[in-house]
Every structure is written in C-alpha cells, then in structure tokens.
Amino acid sequence: MRNWNKVMYFILIYMGVLVSALLLASSQVPRQYRRHVMFWFYLSLPTLLVILVLAFS
C-alpha cells in the first residue's frame, strides 16, 4: 500500500510540473511555435508510463 501512495504522489507532482511548464512555455513562445510545445507535452505523457514501468520492475 505504501508503494501506491508514492506512485500517486509522483504522478500528481509529475503532472503538476508538466502542466505548469506547458502553460509557462505556451505563454512565452510565439503562436507559430506553440505546436512544438504541444508536441513535447504529448511526448511527455508516454514518458510517464515508461517511468512507471521502470519503477515497478
């Protein structure tokens, strides 16, 4: 049960940092580059799954 708490806290912190970085980056870059910011955001979501698989193996 203790591992699940750590995993849930990690996911919440990871998503919080990710969304904060997305909002900050998308407000700083010109409109034509926002699609690149969204690409990196969508790329970071599967990265979370990879990190979780590594954590449980």
N, C-alpha and C. Protein backbone atom coordinates (compact mmCIF):
# COMPACT_ATOMS: atom_id res chain seq x y z
N MET A 1 0.82 -1.20 0.00
CA MET A 1 0.00 0.00 0.00
C MET A 1 0.86 1.26 0.00
N ARG A 2 2.00 1.18 0.65
CA ARG A 2 2.87 2.34 0.73
C ARG A 2 3.43 2.73 -0.65
N ASN A 3 3.73 1.71 -1.48
CA ASN A 3 4.23 1.99 -2.83
C ASN A 3 3.19 2.72 -3.67
N TRP A 4 1.91 2.36 -3.50
CA TRP A 4 0.87 3.03 -4.28
C TRP A 4 0.77 4.50 -3.91
N ASN A 5 0.98 4.81 -2.64
CA ASN A 5 0.97 6.22 -2.24
C ASN A 5 2.10 6.98 -2.91
N LYS A 6 3.28 6.39 -2.94
CA LYS A 6 4.41 7.04 -3.59
C LYS A 6 4.15 7.23 -5.08
N VAL A 7 3.57 6.22 -5.70
CA VAL A 7 3.28 6.31 -7.14
C VAL A 7 2.26 7.42 -7.41
N MET A 8 1.23 7.48 -6.61
CA MET A 8 0.20 8.51 -6.82
C MET A 8 0.76 9.91 -6.59
N TYR A 9 1.58 10.08 -5.56
CA TYR A 9 2.21 11.38 -5.34
C TYR A 9 3.13 11.74 -6.50
N PHE A 10 3.87 10.76 -6.99
CA PHE A 10 4.75 11.00 -8.12
C PHE A 10 3.97 11.44 -9.35
N ILE A 11 2.87 10.74 -9.64
CA ILE A 11 2.05 11.09 -10.81
C ILE A 11 1.48 12.50 -10.65
N LEU A 12 0.99 12.82 -9.47
CA LEU A 12 0.42 14.16 -9.26
C LEU A 12 1.47 15.25 -9.40
N ILE A 13 2.64 15.02 -8.83
CA ILE A 13 3.71 16.03 -8.94
C ILE A 13 4.20 16.13 -10.39
N TYR A 14 4.35 14.99 -11.05
CA TYR A 14 4.80 14.98 -12.45
C TYR A 14 3.82 15.75 -13.33
N MET A 15 2.53 15.48 -13.17
CA MET A 15 1.52 16.16 -13.99
C MET A 15 1.43 17.64 -13.64
N GLY A 16 1.59 17.97 -12.37
CA GLY A 16 1.56 19.38 -11.97
C GLY A 16 2.71 20.16 -12.58
N VAL A 17 3.90 19.59 -12.52
CA VAL A 17 5.08 20.25 -13.12
C VAL A 17 4.91 20.33 -14.63
N LEU A 18 4.39 19.27 -15.21
CA LEU A 18 4.21 19.23 -16.66
C LEU A 18 3.22 20.29 -17.14
N VAL A 19 2.08 20.38 -16.50
CA VAL A 19 1.07 21.36 -16.90
C VAL A 19 1.56 22.78 -16.62
N SER A 20 2.26 22.99 -15.53
CA SER A 20 2.82 24.31 -15.24
C SER A 20 3.83 24.72 -16.31
N ALA A 21 4.70 23.79 -16.68
CA ALA A 21 5.69 24.08 -17.73
C ALA A 21 5.00 24.35 -19.06
N LEU A 22 3.93 23.60 -19.35
CA LEU A 22 3.19 23.81 -20.59
C LEU A 22 2.58 25.21 -20.62
N LEU A 23 1.94 25.62 -19.54
CA LEU A 23 1.33 26.94 -19.50
C LEU A 23 2.37 28.04 -19.60
N LEU A 24 3.46 27.88 -18.91
CA LEU A 24 4.52 28.88 -18.96
C LEU A 24 5.14 28.96 -20.35
N ALA A 25 5.47 27.81 -20.93
CA ALA A 25 6.11 27.80 -22.24
C ALA A 25 5.17 28.31 -23.33
N SER A 26 3.91 27.91 -23.28
CA SER A 26 2.99 28.33 -24.34
C SER A 26 2.68 29.82 -24.25
N SER A 27 2.83 30.41 -23.09
CA SER A 27 2.59 31.85 -23.00
C SER A 27 3.82 32.66 -23.40
N GLN A 28 4.99 32.03 -23.42
CA GLN A 28 6.23 32.73 -23.74
C GLN A 28 6.60 32.65 -25.22
N VAL A 29 6.18 31.60 -25.91
CA VAL A 29 6.59 31.43 -27.31
C VAL A 29 5.55 32.05 -28.24
N PRO A 30 5.99 32.45 -29.43
CA PRO A 30 5.03 32.95 -30.41
C PRO A 30 4.05 31.87 -30.85
N ARG A 31 2.93 32.30 -31.39
CA ARG A 31 1.86 31.38 -31.77
C ARG A 31 2.34 30.30 -32.75
N GLN A 32 3.23 30.64 -33.64
CA GLN A 32 3.66 29.67 -34.65
C GLN A 32 4.46 28.52 -34.06
N TYR A 33 5.00 28.68 -32.85
CA TYR A 33 5.79 27.62 -32.21
C TYR A 33 5.02 26.87 -31.15
N ARG A 34 3.78 27.22 -30.93
CA ARG A 34 3.01 26.53 -29.89
C ARG A 34 2.77 25.07 -30.22
N ARG A 35 2.72 24.74 -31.49
CA ARG A 35 2.52 23.34 -31.84
C ARG A 35 3.72 22.51 -31.43
N HIS A 36 4.92 23.09 -31.42
CA HIS A 36 6.11 22.38 -30.94
C HIS A 36 6.03 22.14 -29.43
N VAL A 37 5.51 23.14 -28.72
CA VAL A 37 5.33 22.98 -27.27
C VAL A 37 4.34 21.86 -26.99
N MET A 38 3.26 21.81 -27.76
CA MET A 38 2.27 20.75 -27.56
C MET A 38 2.85 19.39 -27.93
N PHE A 39 3.72 19.33 -28.92
CA PHE A 39 4.37 18.07 -29.27
C PHE A 39 5.16 17.52 -28.08
N TRP A 40 5.95 18.39 -27.44
CA TRP A 40 6.74 17.94 -26.31
C TRP A 40 5.87 17.58 -25.12
N PHE A 41 4.74 18.27 -24.98
CA PHE A 41 3.80 17.92 -23.91
C PHE A 41 3.22 16.53 -24.15
N TYR A 42 2.77 16.27 -25.37
CA TYR A 42 2.21 14.95 -25.67
C TYR A 42 3.26 13.86 -25.62
N LEU A 43 4.51 14.19 -25.91
CA LEU A 43 5.58 13.21 -25.81
C LEU A 43 5.90 12.88 -24.36
N SER A 44 5.69 13.82 -23.47
CA SER A 44 6.00 13.57 -22.06
C SER A 44 4.96 12.67 -21.38
N LEU A 45 3.76 12.57 -21.94
CA LEU A 45 2.75 11.70 -21.33
C LEU A 45 3.13 10.21 -21.42
N PRO A 46 3.54 9.70 -22.60
CA PRO A 46 4.01 8.30 -22.61
C PRO A 46 5.28 8.09 -21.78
N THR A 47 6.06 9.15 -21.62
CA THR A 47 7.26 9.04 -20.80
C THR A 47 6.88 8.70 -19.36
N LEU A 48 5.76 9.22 -18.90
CA LEU A 48 5.28 8.88 -17.57
C LEU A 48 5.04 7.38 -17.44
N LEU A 49 4.47 6.78 -18.47
CA LEU A 49 4.22 5.33 -18.44
C LEU A 49 5.54 4.56 -18.39
N VAL A 50 6.53 5.01 -19.14
CA VAL A 50 7.83 4.35 -19.14
C VAL A 50 8.46 4.44 -17.75
N ILE A 51 8.38 5.60 -17.14
CA ILE A 51 8.93 5.77 -15.79
C ILE A 51 8.23 4.87 -14.80
N LEU A 52 6.92 4.74 -14.91
CA LEU A 52 6.17 3.87 -14.00
C LEU A 52 6.53 2.40 -14.20
N VAL A 53 6.71 1.98 -15.45
CA VAL A 53 7.11 0.59 -15.71
C VAL A 53 8.48 0.32 -15.11
N LEU A 54 9.40 1.28 -15.26
CA LEU A 54 10.72 1.10 -14.68
C LEU A 54 10.66 1.09 -13.16
N ALA A 55 9.76 1.86 -12.59
CA ALA A 55 9.65 1.91 -11.13
C ALA A 55 9.11 0.60 -10.56
N PHE A 56 8.25 -0.09 -11.30
CA PHE A 56 7.65 -1.31 -10.77
C PHE A 56 8.39 -2.57 -11.19
N SER A 57 9.41 -2.45 -11.99
CA SER A 57 10.13 -3.66 -12.41
C SER A 57 11.35 -3.91 -11.52
